[in-house]
Amino acid sequence: MSIKLFVGNLSYDMTEEQLKTLFSEAGGVTSAKIITDRQTGQPRGFAFVEMETKMDGQKAISMFNGKNIDGRALAVNEARPQQKGGFGGGRRGGYR
């Protein structure tokens, strides 16, 4: 069963391919997605990496959490499940 990891404090110069290559040192990588700003398209400094197995994910966390990559200490941990509804959504105010 695969596991999704949150990777924070990424260098803005990191590419998805470089990220995938880096994490493949810990095991099989299913996908690597760097999150970008919707308006500007610029990287936001974090990504999600999906590892093939939970064991690969745990190995990646131990290998890369706190590791200095491109002058930045990565923050790597298991991603929390996405909340339904995003940021609460809906309209402000009450019903009329």
C-alpha atoms as a PDB file:
ATOM      1  CA  MET A   1       0.000   0.000   0.000  1.00  0.00           C
ATOM      2  CA  SER A   2       1.394   3.397  -0.975  1.00  0.00           C
ATOM      3  CA  ILE A   3       1.975   6.296   1.399  1.00  0.00           C
ATOM      4  CA  LYS A   4       1.850  10.031   0.670  1.00  0.00           C
ATOM      5  CA  LEU A   5       4.496  12.265   2.219  1.00  0.00           C
ATOM      6  CA  PHE A   6       4.467  16.014   2.793  1.00  0.00           C
ATOM      7  CA  VAL A   7       7.807  17.631   1.935  1.00  0.00           C
ATOM      8  CA  GLY A   8       8.244  21.182   3.228  1.00  0.00           C
ATOM      9  CA  ASN A   9      10.931  23.873   3.076  1.00  0.00           C
ATOM     10  CA  LEU A  10      11.885  22.977  -0.505  1.00  0.00           C
ATOM     11  CA  SER A  11      14.189  25.143  -2.549  1.00  0.00           C
ATOM     12  CA  TYR A  12      12.196  27.107  -5.144  1.00  0.00           C
ATOM     13  CA  ASP A  13      14.653  25.811  -7.766  1.00  0.00           C
ATOM     14  CA  MET A  14      13.795  22.119  -7.131  1.00  0.00           C
ATOM     15  CA  THR A  15      12.001  20.382  -9.999  1.00  0.00           C
ATOM     16  CA  GLU A  16       9.560  17.479  -9.712  1.00  0.00           C
ATOM     17  CA  GLU A  17      12.058  15.275 -11.561  1.00  0.00           C
ATOM     18  CA  GLN A  18      14.850  16.168  -9.089  1.00  0.00           C
ATOM     19  CA  LEU A  19      12.493  15.505  -6.189  1.00  0.00           C
ATOM     20  CA  LYS A  20      11.496  12.121  -7.605  1.00  0.00           C
ATOM     21  CA  THR A  21      15.164  11.193  -8.152  1.00  0.00           C
ATOM     22  CA  LEU A  22      16.073  12.252  -4.611  1.00  0.00           C
ATOM     23  CA  PHE A  23      13.282  10.250  -2.964  1.00  0.00           C
ATOM     24  CA  SER A  24      13.966   7.199  -5.133  1.00  0.00           C
ATOM     25  CA  GLU A  25      17.097   6.749  -2.984  1.00  0.00           C
ATOM     26  CA  ALA A  26      14.697   5.582  -0.248  1.00  0.00           C
ATOM     27  CA  GLY A  27      12.566   3.307  -2.449  1.00  0.00           C
ATOM     28  CA  GLY A  28       9.919   3.292  -5.136  1.00  0.00           C
ATOM     29  CA  VAL A  29       8.341   6.661  -5.952  1.00  0.00           C
ATOM     30  CA  THR A  30       4.842   6.618  -7.452  1.00  0.00           C
ATOM     31  CA  SER A  31       4.573  10.401  -7.937  1.00  0.00           C
ATOM     32  CA  ALA A  32       6.108  13.731  -6.947  1.00  0.00           C
ATOM     33  CA  LYS A  33       4.077  16.957  -7.149  1.00  0.00           C
ATOM     34  CA  ILE A  34       5.474  20.386  -6.293  1.00  0.00           C
ATOM     35  CA  ILE A  35       2.642  22.712  -5.282  1.00  0.00           C
ATOM     36  CA  THR A  36       2.512  26.027  -7.149  1.00  0.00           C
ATOM     37  CA  ASP A  37       0.659  29.283  -6.606  1.00  0.00           C
ATOM     38  CA  ARG A  38      -2.529  29.394  -8.690  1.00  0.00           C
ATOM     39  CA  GLN A  39      -2.064  33.009  -9.813  1.00  0.00           C
ATOM     40  CA  THR A  40       1.670  33.140 -10.472  1.00  0.00           C
ATOM     41  CA  GLY A  41       2.560  29.512 -11.152  1.00  0.00           C
ATOM     42  CA  GLN A  42       5.575  29.934  -8.853  1.00  0.00           C
ATOM     43  CA  PRO A  43       6.504  27.057  -6.507  1.00  0.00           C
ATOM     44  CA  ARG A  44       5.194  27.477  -2.948  1.00  0.00           C
ATOM     45  CA  GLY A  45       8.106  25.643  -1.306  1.00  0.00           C
ATOM     46  CA  PHE A  46       6.384  22.343  -0.568  1.00  0.00           C
ATOM     47  CA  ALA A  47       5.429  19.146  -2.326  1.00  0.00           C
ATOM     48  CA  PHE A  48       3.762  15.770  -1.969  1.00  0.00           C
ATOM     49  CA  VAL A  49       5.666  12.587  -2.767  1.00  0.00           C
ATOM     50  CA  GLU A  50       3.875   9.258  -2.972  1.00  0.00           C
ATOM     51  CA  MET A  51       6.017   6.255  -2.114  1.00  0.00           C
ATOM     52  CA  GLU A  52       5.148   2.723  -3.282  1.00  0.00           C
ATOM     53  CA  THR A  53       5.095   1.187   0.203  1.00  0.00           C
ATOM     54  CA  LYS A  54       4.684   2.386   3.774  1.00  0.00           C
ATOM     55  CA  MET A  55       8.160   0.972   4.480  1.00  0.00           C
ATOM     56  CA  ASP A  56       9.660   3.104   1.646  1.00  0.00           C
ATOM     57  CA  GLY A  57       7.848   6.125   3.087  1.00  0.00           C
ATOM     58  CA  GLN A  58       9.199   5.546   6.589  1.00  0.00           C
ATOM     59  CA  LYS A  59      12.707   5.145   5.150  1.00  0.00           C
ATOM     60  CA  ALA A  60      12.326   8.417   3.199  1.00  0.00           C
ATOM     61  CA  ILE A  61      11.190  10.236   6.352  1.00  0.00           C
ATOM     62  CA  SER A  62      14.207   8.986   8.321  1.00  0.00           C
ATOM     63  CA  MET A  63      16.599   9.750   5.431  1.00  0.00           C
ATOM     64  CA  PHE A  64      15.358  13.218   4.454  1.00  0.00           C
ATOM     65  CA  ASN A  65      13.589  14.883   7.398  1.00  0.00           C
ATOM     66  CA  GLY A  66      15.967  17.629   8.536  1.00  0.00           C
ATOM     67  CA  LYS A  67      18.447  16.896   5.711  1.00  0.00           C
ATOM     68  CA  ASN A  68      20.017  19.960   4.137  1.00  0.00           C
ATOM     69  CA  ILE A  69      19.176  20.076   0.405  1.00  0.00           C
ATOM     70  CA  ASP A  70      20.114  23.210  -1.574  1.00  0.00           C
ATOM     71  CA  GLY A  71      20.775  25.101   1.676  1.00  0.00           C
ATOM     72  CA  ARG A  72      17.390  24.259   3.225  1.00  0.00           C
ATOM     73  CA  ALA A  73      16.548  21.682   5.900  1.00  0.00           C
ATOM     74  CA  LEU A  74      13.689  19.602   4.512  1.00  0.00           C
ATOM     75  CA  ALA A  75      10.627  18.835   6.634  1.00  0.00           C
ATOM     76  CA  VAL A  76       9.337  15.382   5.662  1.00  0.00           C
ATOM     77  CA  ASN A  77       6.418  13.601   7.287  1.00  0.00           C
ATOM     78  CA  GLU A  78       3.351  11.563   6.463  1.00  0.00           C
ATOM     79  CA  ALA A  79       0.744  13.739   4.764  1.00  0.00           C
ATOM     80  CA  ARG A  80      -2.523  14.211   6.614  1.00  0.00           C
ATOM     81  CA  PRO A  81      -5.685  13.297   4.711  1.00  0.00           C
ATOM     82  CA  GLN A  82      -7.079  16.198   2.691  1.00  0.00           C
ATOM     83  CA  GLN A  83      -9.953  17.981   4.396  1.00  0.00           C
ATOM     84  CA  LYS A  84     -13.195  18.030   2.453  1.00  0.00           C
ATOM     85  CA  GLY A  85     -14.344  21.520   1.518  1.00  0.00           C
ATOM     86  CA  GLY A  86     -10.916  23.166   1.433  1.00  0.00           C
ATOM     87  CA  PHE A  87     -10.856  26.285   3.598  1.00  0.00           C
ATOM     88  CA  GLY A  88     -14.493  26.128   4.648  1.00  0.00           C
ATOM     89  CA  GLY A  89     -15.776  27.624   1.417  1.00  0.00           C
ATOM     90  CA  GLY A  90     -19.277  28.948   1.143  1.00  0.00           C
ATOM     91  CA  ARG A  91     -20.422  32.520   1.325  1.00  0.00           C
ATOM     92  CA  ARG A  92     -19.787  34.849   4.206  1.00  0.00           C
ATOM     93  CA  GLY A  93     -22.822  35.942   6.145  1.00  0.00           C
ATOM     94  CA  GLY A  94     -26.102  34.215   6.702  1.00  0.00           C
ATOM     95  CA  TYR A  95     -28.937  33.140   4.507  1.00  0.00           C
ATOM     96  CA  ARG A  96     -31.434  35.720   3.342  1.00  0.00           C
END
